[in-house]
Amino acid sequence: MRKRLISLIVSVFILGIVGTAFAASPFVKVPAGHWAYDSIAKLAQAGIVDSYDDSTSHGKKTLTRYAMAMIVAEAMANADNANIEQKAEIEKLATEFKDELDHLGVNSSSTIVKNKPDNKPIVPSVSGYYYLRYEHGKNHGNPAADYHTLKSSLRLNAKTQINDDWTLGVSWENFKSLYKDKGTGGTNNSSWGSAGYQGAFDVTRAYVTGPVAGAIMTAGKFDHVFGSGILFDDVVSGVRFDFGKELKTRIIYAEADENVLGCTTAGSYLSKYAKAAAVDFNYGLSKATSMEASYQKWYSKSDGIDPMRVYDVNVTTRLNKDVTLFGTYGQTSADTANKAYVFGVSYKQYDKKVPGTYNFILDYEALQKNSVIYTTYWVGAGMKGLVYRFTYVPAKNMLLSLRYYDAKYFADNDAVDYQTAVPAGSRTNWFRCELDYYF
């Protein structure tokens, strides 16, 4: 039982360390004495959950919010076996760990909906965030391409229950470039992929989620990270299946969002590919170490272009409660310049609900020109260098994030930088300061 719980905790960590920049920390502890421990212990005694060891509570060992959310997700899946009182406990837990459940792809309102009388209307849950973002880019090889920008964006996410099993999700996004100066860094791209997008709300995601043949299927237009995200991390249109407990498996067939073409040079090796079929595995190697691996096959819309194969592996190990090491390797089937490496260390963890928490990450990224399309990491195709990331929670549901890199273009980059052509081997610096407001 304890081994299963540990595997769940380690598997969840992968999602937090290499996921999107807005993902909450997997290592923020639920304090000893928190009411959730007693609620879950009652559910465990009733057989609603079996991945919880009561010896971990009552001050002996505390769990992280994500580990707790995994147990809550199990309770939600078994809610049909619960009585009215137990369902009320599950509902209360689902509300408490709503954000963590959402990050795990579990609809936190599903249990609540099941407990409502059929004659009552289902009210969609609405969440979102607003950000203000300042960016500065300096290109030592081409000073004319230096730029400053100030941008804002508002995103609304709505989820509603179709029935006891199926959920509909929709997102709207508004983007505004408040200021930009010389250079090309002020190009306005949304998740919908329109280079001239600015102002009005667009429906940027629309998808359904529900069980199919023992798996959870997601279909439509949704966010997806291929493997560790070293090749591509953005919006796709297609279908995805998630299944497995010890060995978590994800299978997807989808087409990348149109803005993939805006992030690679027209005519380059990677700009030819838009559709992909992929399988991703996530497994806990030990109590402190987990591994994620994926195989991807990307296809071109044009005839006569061979598919591109992609191999991707990430290993993450926790040294102690504050320090985590991670390394990622990716390779495409391009004949040359087809490898990508990332090695880094993470210190502390933040939780946007807990003011004063923070996280610092330092990593070295080397992404050869034919190795990435729209990576979850920070330097671009044909670049290598150090990346510094700091995130701080000044108040509940507010984030202050700083991002900086000092990088250099590979000698054979062939001007793959999507913003501007630069001389081979030249240096570039980039800085971002962002304020995020969640609701």
Protein backbone atom coordinates (compact mmCIF):
# COMPACT_ATOMS: atom_id res chain seq x y z
CA MET A 1 0.00 0.00 0.00
CA ARG A 2 2.79 2.42 0.94
CA LYS A 3 4.71 1.54 -2.24
CA ARG A 4 1.68 2.47 -4.32
CA LEU A 5 1.33 5.80 -2.54
CA ILE A 6 5.01 6.60 -3.03
CA SER A 7 4.73 5.83 -6.76
CA LEU A 8 1.79 8.21 -7.01
CA ILE A 9 3.73 10.99 -5.29
CA VAL A 10 6.81 10.59 -7.52
CA SER A 11 4.72 10.38 -10.70
CA VAL A 12 2.92 13.59 -9.83
CA PHE A 13 6.26 15.38 -9.35
CA ILE A 14 7.13 14.99 -13.05
CA LEU A 15 4.05 17.00 -13.93
CA GLY A 16 5.07 19.80 -11.63
CA ILE A 17 8.77 20.13 -12.53
CA VAL A 18 8.52 20.10 -16.30
CA GLY A 19 4.98 21.27 -16.87
CA THR A 20 3.81 24.72 -17.65
CA ALA A 21 5.08 27.76 -15.88
CA PHE A 22 1.79 28.17 -14.05
CA ALA A 23 1.68 24.68 -12.55
CA ALA A 24 1.56 24.61 -8.74
CA SER A 25 4.35 22.99 -6.72
CA PRO A 26 4.03 19.27 -6.01
CA PHE A 27 5.94 19.49 -2.71
CA VAL A 28 3.95 21.95 -0.61
CA LYS A 29 2.98 20.00 2.50
CA VAL A 30 -0.50 19.60 3.92
CA PRO A 31 0.13 20.48 7.58
CA ALA A 32 -0.17 17.77 10.21
CA GLY A 33 -3.55 18.01 11.89
CA HIS A 34 -5.28 19.25 8.73
CA TRP A 35 -8.88 18.00 8.62
CA ALA A 36 -8.23 16.26 5.26
CA TYR A 37 -6.21 13.49 6.95
CA ASP A 38 -9.15 12.45 9.13
CA SER A 39 -11.57 12.61 6.18
CA ILE A 40 -9.37 10.41 4.01
CA ALA A 41 -8.72 8.00 6.91
CA LYS A 42 -12.49 7.51 7.24
CA LEU A 43 -12.78 6.84 3.51
CA ALA A 44 -9.88 4.38 3.69
CA GLN A 45 -11.52 2.50 6.56
CA ALA A 46 -14.71 2.28 4.49
CA GLY A 47 -12.77 0.86 1.51
CA ILE A 48 -13.43 3.89 -0.71
CA VAL A 49 -9.66 4.38 -1.13
CA ASP A 50 -6.88 1.84 -0.73
CA SER A 51 -3.79 3.94 -1.55
CA TYR A 52 -3.66 5.63 1.87
CA ASP A 53 -1.61 4.44 4.83
CA ASP A 54 -2.96 5.91 8.06
CA SER A 55 0.52 5.78 9.59
CA THR A 56 1.50 8.72 7.39
CA SER A 57 -0.81 11.07 9.28
CA HIS A 58 -1.14 12.41 12.84
CA GLY A 59 2.26 14.09 12.73
CA LYS A 60 4.27 11.04 11.69
CA LYS A 61 4.62 12.04 8.05
CA THR A 62 2.79 14.74 6.13
CA LEU A 63 1.75 14.49 2.48
CA THR A 64 2.05 17.05 -0.29
CA ARG A 65 -1.06 18.68 -1.73
CA TYR A 66 -0.58 16.79 -5.01
CA ALA A 67 -0.17 13.46 -3.22
CA MET A 68 -3.33 14.21 -1.29
CA ALA A 69 -5.10 15.16 -4.53
CA MET A 70 -4.21 11.78 -6.04
CA ILE A 71 -5.95 10.06 -3.13
CA VAL A 72 -8.95 12.37 -3.48
CA ALA A 73 -9.10 11.51 -7.19
CA GLU A 74 -9.27 7.83 -6.25
CA ALA A 75 -12.11 8.55 -3.82
CA MET A 76 -13.97 10.47 -6.54
CA ALA A 77 -13.60 7.52 -8.91
CA ASN A 78 -15.18 5.24 -6.28
CA ALA A 79 -17.92 7.69 -5.23
CA ASP A 80 -20.64 5.31 -6.48
CA ASN A 81 -19.70 2.96 -3.63
CA ALA A 82 -20.01 5.70 -1.00
CA ASN A 83 -23.01 6.54 1.16
CA ILE A 84 -24.43 10.05 1.51
CA GLU A 85 -22.13 10.98 4.40
CA GLN A 86 -19.05 9.67 2.62
CA LYS A 87 -19.98 11.51 -0.58
CA ALA A 88 -20.20 14.69 1.45
CA GLU A 89 -16.61 14.08 2.67
CA ILE A 90 -15.46 13.50 -0.91
CA GLU A 91 -17.19 16.69 -2.03
CA LYS A 92 -15.48 18.67 0.69
CA LEU A 93 -12.07 17.22 -0.23
CA ALA A 94 -12.61 17.88 -3.95
CA THR A 95 -13.33 21.53 -3.17
CA GLU A 96 -10.22 21.88 -0.98
CA PHE A 97 -7.88 20.36 -3.61
CA LYS A 98 -9.59 21.79 -6.70
CA ASP A 99 -6.46 23.37 -8.23
CA GLU A 100 -4.34 20.24 -7.77
CA LEU A 101 -7.07 18.03 -9.24
CA ASP A 102 -7.38 20.36 -12.23
CA HIS A 103 -3.61 20.09 -12.86
CA LEU A 104 -3.99 16.30 -12.80
CA GLY A 105 -6.76 16.46 -15.39
CA VAL A 106 -9.46 15.42 -12.88
CA ASN A 107 -12.67 17.40 -12.91
CA SER A 108 -12.96 18.56 -9.31
CA SER A 109 -16.69 19.23 -9.66
CA SER A 110 -17.67 15.72 -10.80
CA THR A 111 -18.39 14.38 -7.31
CA ILE A 112 -20.33 17.49 -6.35
CA VAL A 113 -22.48 17.18 -9.45
CA LYS A 114 -23.25 13.53 -8.71
CA ASN A 115 -24.60 14.47 -5.29
CA LYS A 116 -26.99 17.10 -6.63
CA PRO A 117 -30.62 16.22 -7.28
CA ASP A 118 -31.38 15.70 -10.95
CA ASN A 119 -33.90 18.53 -10.96
CA LYS A 120 -31.29 21.14 -10.07
CA PRO A 121 -29.40 22.90 -12.89
CA ILE A 122 -25.68 22.25 -13.25
CA VAL A 123 -23.71 25.47 -12.86
CA PRO A 124 -20.39 25.53 -14.76
CA SER A 125 -17.26 26.24 -12.74
CA VAL A 126 -15.28 29.25 -13.95
CA SER A 127 -11.62 29.99 -13.27
CA GLY A 128 -8.81 31.82 -15.00
CA TYR A 129 -5.98 34.28 -14.68
CA TYR A 130 -4.82 37.69 -15.81
CA TYR A 131 -1.19 38.63 -16.38
CA LEU A 132 0.95 41.67 -17.05
CA ARG A 133 4.23 40.81 -18.76
CA TYR A 134 7.31 42.88 -19.55
CA GLU A 135 10.00 41.45 -21.85
CA HIS A 136 13.34 42.68 -23.09
CA GLY A 137 15.46 40.95 -25.69
CA LYS A 138 19.01 41.90 -26.64
CA ASN A 139 20.73 40.38 -29.65
CA HIS A 140 24.46 41.08 -29.63
CA GLY A 141 24.81 39.95 -33.23
CA ASN A 142 22.02 42.17 -34.51
CA PRO A 143 21.33 45.24 -32.28
CA ALA A 144 18.50 46.33 -34.58
CA ALA A 145 16.52 43.37 -33.31
CA ASP A 146 16.65 44.47 -29.63
CA TYR A 147 13.17 45.05 -28.22
CA HIS A 148 11.03 45.93 -25.21
CA THR A 149 7.41 44.84 -24.89
CA LEU A 150 4.60 45.17 -22.35
CA LYS A 151 1.71 42.76 -22.77
CA SER A 152 -1.41 41.67 -20.95
CA SER A 153 -3.70 38.67 -21.28
CA LEU A 154 -6.90 37.43 -19.71
CA ARG A 155 -7.93 33.80 -19.88
CA LEU A 156 -11.25 32.35 -18.73
CA ASN A 157 -11.75 28.62 -18.25
CA ALA A 158 -15.22 27.10 -17.91
CA LYS A 159 -16.01 23.47 -17.08
CA THR A 160 -19.40 21.84 -16.88
CA GLN A 161 -20.65 18.32 -16.34
CA ILE A 162 -22.38 16.72 -19.33
CA ASN A 163 -23.41 13.69 -17.25
CA ASP A 164 -21.95 11.61 -14.43
CA ASP A 165 -18.90 10.69 -16.52
CA TRP A 166 -18.30 13.33 -19.18
CA THR A 167 -17.07 16.90 -18.81
CA LEU A 168 -16.93 19.81 -21.26
CA GLY A 169 -14.17 22.42 -21.01
CA VAL A 170 -13.92 25.72 -22.87
CA SER A 171 -11.37 28.55 -22.67
CA TRP A 172 -11.49 32.11 -23.94
CA GLU A 173 -8.38 34.25 -24.29
CA ASN A 174 -7.85 37.97 -24.67
CA PHE A 175 -4.44 39.37 -25.58
CA LYS A 176 -3.23 42.97 -25.74
CA SER A 177 0.17 44.38 -26.63
CA LEU A 178 0.34 47.56 -24.58
CA TYR A 179 3.72 48.68 -25.85
CA LYS A 180 6.51 47.61 -28.16
CA ASP A 181 9.49 49.38 -29.64
CA LYS A 182 11.95 48.48 -32.39
CA GLY A 183 12.67 44.91 -33.33
CA THR A 184 10.25 42.09 -33.98
CA GLY A 185 9.66 40.92 -30.42
CA GLY A 186 6.21 42.47 -30.24
CA THR A 187 4.51 40.03 -32.61
CA ASN A 188 1.12 39.14 -31.17
CA ASN A 189 0.47 35.42 -31.08
CA SER A 190 -2.40 33.74 -29.26
CA SER A 191 -3.11 30.11 -28.62
CA TRP A 192 -5.46 30.31 -31.59
CA GLY A 193 -2.42 30.95 -33.79
CA SER A 194 -3.32 34.27 -35.41
CA ALA A 195 -0.25 36.49 -35.77
CA GLY A 196 -2.40 39.64 -35.77
CA TYR A 197 -4.50 38.61 -32.77
CA GLN A 198 -5.28 41.41 -30.37
CA GLY A 199 -8.24 42.56 -28.37
CA ALA A 200 -11.36 40.41 -28.70
CA PHE A 201 -11.88 37.11 -26.93
CA ASP A 202 -11.23 33.95 -28.94
CA VAL A 203 -12.24 30.42 -28.04
CA THR A 204 -8.77 28.95 -27.70
CA ARG A 205 -9.67 25.55 -26.20
CA ALA A 206 -12.78 23.38 -26.43
CA TYR A 207 -12.74 19.71 -25.41
CA VAL A 208 -14.62 16.87 -23.75
CA THR A 209 -13.24 14.40 -21.21
CA GLY A 210 -14.65 11.04 -20.10
CA PRO A 211 -14.03 7.29 -19.66
CA VAL A 212 -13.60 5.01 -22.67
CA ALA A 213 -12.65 1.31 -22.37
CA GLY A 214 -10.84 1.73 -19.05
CA ALA A 215 -9.02 4.92 -20.10
CA ILE A 216 -9.77 8.64 -19.79
CA MET A 217 -10.28 10.18 -23.21
CA THR A 218 -9.83 13.87 -24.01
CA ALA A 219 -10.97 15.04 -27.45
CA GLY A 220 -11.06 18.46 -29.09
CA LYS A 221 -8.66 21.39 -28.77
CA PHE A 222 -6.64 21.27 -25.53
CA ASP A 223 -3.23 21.86 -23.92
CA HIS A 224 -0.73 19.06 -24.33
CA VAL A 225 2.91 18.45 -23.43
CA PHE A 226 4.60 15.82 -25.61
CA GLY A 227 6.80 13.79 -23.28
CA SER A 228 8.89 16.12 -21.14
CA GLY A 229 7.96 19.03 -23.40
CA ILE A 230 11.45 19.46 -24.79
CA LEU A 231 10.14 19.30 -28.38
CA PHE A 232 6.65 20.76 -28.12
CA ASP A 233 4.37 22.16 -25.41
CA ASP A 234 1.29 24.01 -26.63
CA VAL A 235 -2.31 23.66 -27.82
CA VAL A 236 -3.28 20.75 -30.07
CA SER A 237 -6.43 19.46 -31.75
CA GLY A 238 -6.99 15.72 -31.55
CA VAL A 239 -7.68 12.86 -29.17
CA ARG A 240 -5.76 11.59 -26.12
CA PHE A 241 -6.09 8.52 -23.89
CA ASP A 242 -4.71 8.29 -20.32
CA PHE A 243 -4.55 5.02 -18.38
CA GLY A 244 -2.44 3.03 -15.93
CA LYS A 245 -1.58 3.49 -12.25
CA GLU A 246 1.96 2.30 -11.54
CA LEU A 247 3.03 2.84 -15.14
CA LYS A 248 1.09 5.87 -16.30
CA THR A 249 0.59 5.80 -20.06
CA ARG A 250 -0.64 8.48 -22.43
CA ILE A 251 -1.43 7.98 -26.12
CA ILE A 252 -2.27 10.89 -28.42
CA TYR A 253 -2.93 11.67 -32.06
CA ALA A 254 -3.25 15.37 -32.74
CA GLU A 255 -2.35 18.35 -34.87
CA ALA A 256 -0.29 21.14 -33.37
CA ASP A 257 -1.73 24.62 -33.07
CA GLU A 258 -1.01 26.92 -36.00
CA ASN A 259 1.43 29.09 -34.06
CA VAL A 260 3.98 26.27 -34.35
CA LEU A 261 4.68 27.76 -37.77
CA GLY A 262 5.35 31.12 -36.15
CA CYS A 263 8.03 29.63 -33.92
CA THR A 264 10.19 28.03 -36.62
CA THR A 265 11.76 29.58 -39.67
CA ALA A 266 9.74 29.02 -42.85
CA GLY A 267 11.39 26.27 -44.89
CA SER A 268 13.41 24.91 -41.96
CA TYR A 269 13.42 21.23 -41.05
CA LEU A 270 10.98 21.56 -38.17
CA SER A 271 8.51 23.94 -39.83
CA LYS A 272 7.38 21.09 -42.11
CA TYR A 273 5.69 19.14 -39.31
CA ALA A 274 2.32 19.74 -37.68
CA LYS A 275 0.62 16.37 -36.89
CA ALA A 276 1.86 13.78 -34.42
CA ALA A 277 1.14 10.35 -32.97
CA ALA A 278 2.86 9.71 -29.64
CA VAL A 279 3.02 7.51 -26.56
CA ASP A 280 4.29 8.74 -23.19
CA PHE A 281 5.24 6.71 -20.10
CA ASN A 282 5.67 7.92 -16.52
CA TYR A 283 7.11 5.60 -13.85
CA GLY A 284 8.53 5.89 -10.34
CA LEU A 285 11.95 4.26 -10.25
CA SER A 286 12.33 4.67 -6.49
CA LYS A 287 11.05 6.69 -3.58
CA ALA A 288 13.00 9.75 -4.73
CA THR A 289 13.45 9.21 -8.47
CA SER A 290 11.03 9.09 -11.39
CA MET A 291 11.39 8.79 -15.12
CA GLU A 292 9.31 9.90 -18.08
CA ALA A 293 9.93 8.72 -21.64
CA SER A 294 8.10 9.24 -24.91
CA TYR A 295 8.19 8.21 -28.54
CA GLN A 296 6.69 10.61 -31.06
CA LYS A 297 6.17 10.45 -34.80
CA TRP A 298 5.47 13.76 -36.51
CA TYR A 299 3.92 14.05 -39.96
CA SER A 300 3.89 16.78 -42.55
CA LYS A 301 0.80 18.17 -44.30
CA SER A 302 2.80 18.22 -47.51
CA ASP A 303 3.40 15.22 -49.76
CA GLY A 304 6.87 13.76 -50.22
CA ILE A 305 8.21 14.59 -46.75
CA ASP A 306 9.21 11.67 -44.55
CA PRO A 307 7.86 11.52 -40.98
CA MET A 308 10.07 12.76 -38.15
CA ARG A 309 10.77 10.41 -35.23
CA VAL A 310 11.37 11.81 -31.76
CA TYR A 311 12.80 10.16 -28.62
CA ASP A 312 12.49 11.92 -25.29
CA VAL A 313 13.46 11.00 -21.71
CA ASN A 314 13.44 12.91 -18.43
CA VAL A 315 14.76 11.79 -15.03
CA THR A 316 14.00 13.69 -11.83
CA THR A 317 15.40 12.91 -8.39
CA ARG A 318 14.67 14.56 -5.08
CA LEU A 319 17.75 14.99 -2.88
CA ASN A 320 15.81 16.32 0.10
CA LYS A 321 12.63 18.25 0.82
CA ASP A 322 14.01 21.41 -0.83
CA VAL A 323 16.42 20.34 -3.59
CA THR A 324 15.56 18.44 -6.76
CA LEU A 325 17.78 17.56 -9.72
CA PHE A 326 16.45 16.94 -13.21
CA GLY A 327 17.81 16.09 -16.64
CA THR A 328 16.14 15.83 -20.03
CA TYR A 329 17.37 14.46 -23.35
CA GLY A 330 15.61 14.62 -26.69
CA GLN A 331 16.54 13.54 -30.21
CA THR A 332 14.82 13.80 -33.59
CA SER A 333 15.48 11.83 -36.75
CA ALA A 334 17.04 14.80 -38.54
CA ASP A 335 20.41 13.95 -40.12
CA THR A 336 22.27 16.73 -38.29
CA ALA A 337 21.89 19.04 -35.25
CA ASN A 338 19.14 16.82 -33.87
CA LYS A 339 19.84 16.66 -30.11
CA ALA A 340 18.61 18.61 -27.10
CA TYR A 341 19.88 18.55 -23.49
CA VAL A 342 18.66 20.16 -20.28
CA PHE A 343 20.25 19.73 -16.83
CA GLY A 344 19.10 21.66 -13.80
CA VAL A 345 18.43 22.04 -10.10
CA SER A 346 15.29 23.27 -8.35
CA TYR A 347 15.28 24.79 -4.85
CA LYS A 348 12.18 25.15 -2.68
CA GLN A 349 8.61 25.03 -4.01
CA TYR A 350 5.83 27.57 -4.25
CA ASP A 351 2.10 27.28 -3.76
CA LYS A 352 0.04 30.17 -5.09
CA LYS A 353 -2.30 29.78 -2.12
CA VAL A 354 0.50 30.30 0.41
CA PRO A 355 2.04 33.82 0.54
CA GLY A 356 5.78 33.90 1.00
CA THR A 357 6.49 30.59 -0.73
CA TYR A 358 8.94 30.62 -3.62
CA ASN A 359 10.90 28.51 -6.09
CA PHE A 360 14.27 28.99 -7.80
CA ILE A 361 15.43 26.95 -10.80
CA LEU A 362 18.79 27.08 -12.55
CA ASP A 363 19.38 24.97 -15.63
CA TYR A 364 21.63 24.65 -18.66
CA GLU A 365 19.81 24.21 -21.96
CA ALA A 366 21.35 23.21 -25.29
CA LEU A 367 18.78 22.82 -28.07
CA GLN A 368 20.27 22.15 -31.50
CA LYS A 369 18.48 23.66 -34.49
CA ASN A 370 16.65 20.47 -35.55
CA SER A 371 15.69 19.31 -32.04
CA VAL A 372 12.74 21.45 -30.91
CA ILE A 373 9.62 23.10 -32.31
CA TYR A 374 7.88 24.99 -29.47
CA THR A 375 9.62 23.77 -26.33
CA THR A 376 8.46 24.06 -22.74
CA TYR A 377 11.98 25.21 -21.93
CA TRP A 378 13.24 28.75 -22.49
CA VAL A 379 16.05 29.04 -25.02
CA GLY A 380 15.04 28.43 -28.64
CA ALA A 381 16.11 26.14 -31.45
CA GLY A 382 19.81 26.53 -32.27
CA MET A 383 20.70 28.04 -28.87
CA LYS A 384 22.52 27.05 -25.69
CA GLY A 385 23.00 28.77 -22.35
CA LEU A 386 22.06 29.23 -18.69
CA VAL A 387 18.48 29.95 -17.66
CA TYR A 388 17.45 31.47 -14.31
CA ARG A 389 13.87 31.22 -13.03
CA PHE A 390 12.44 32.67 -9.83
CA THR A 391 8.80 32.55 -8.72
CA TYR A 392 7.42 34.20 -5.58
CA VAL A 393 3.93 34.38 -4.04
CA PRO A 394 3.45 37.93 -2.65
CA ALA A 395 -0.21 37.28 -1.76
CA LYS A 396 -2.71 34.49 -2.12
CA ASN A 397 -3.42 33.66 -5.78
CA MET A 398 -0.77 36.12 -7.00
CA LEU A 399 2.56 35.19 -8.59
CA LEU A 400 5.62 37.28 -9.36
CA SER A 401 7.93 35.50 -11.78
CA LEU A 402 11.32 36.47 -13.19
CA ARG A 403 12.96 34.70 -16.14
CA TYR A 404 16.39 35.42 -17.59
CA TYR A 405 18.76 33.65 -19.94
CA ASP A 406 22.21 34.33 -21.29
CA ALA A 407 22.58 32.20 -24.39
CA LYS A 408 24.62 31.75 -27.51
CA TYR A 409 23.61 30.59 -30.98
CA PHE A 410 25.24 27.44 -32.28
CA ALA A 411 27.64 28.07 -35.14
CA ASP A 412 25.35 26.11 -37.49
CA ASN A 413 22.08 27.71 -36.36
CA ASP A 414 21.37 29.05 -39.90
CA ALA A 415 19.28 31.86 -38.42
CA VAL A 416 16.66 29.53 -36.95
CA ASP A 417 15.64 32.19 -34.44
CA TYR A 418 12.03 32.87 -35.39
CA GLN A 419 12.21 36.53 -34.44
CA THR A 420 15.21 37.62 -36.51
CA ALA A 421 18.20 36.39 -38.46
CA VAL A 422 21.41 36.61 -36.41
CA PRO A 423 25.06 35.90 -37.14
CA ALA A 424 26.21 32.38 -36.26
CA GLY A 425 27.75 32.11 -32.81
CA SER A 426 26.43 35.44 -31.49
CA ARG A 427 25.11 35.92 -27.94
CA THR A 428 21.61 36.87 -26.89
CA ASN A 429 20.05 37.89 -23.57
CA TRP A 430 16.39 37.81 -22.67
CA PHE A 431 14.49 38.94 -19.57
CA ARG A 432 10.85 38.63 -18.48
CA CYS A 433 9.06 40.01 -15.45
CA GLU A 434 5.45 38.90 -14.99
CA LEU A 435 2.61 39.36 -12.51
CA ASP A 436 -0.15 36.74 -12.53
CA TYR A 437 -3.52 37.04 -10.83
CA TYR A 438 -5.53 33.81 -10.44
CA PHE A 439 -9.22 33.48 -9.69
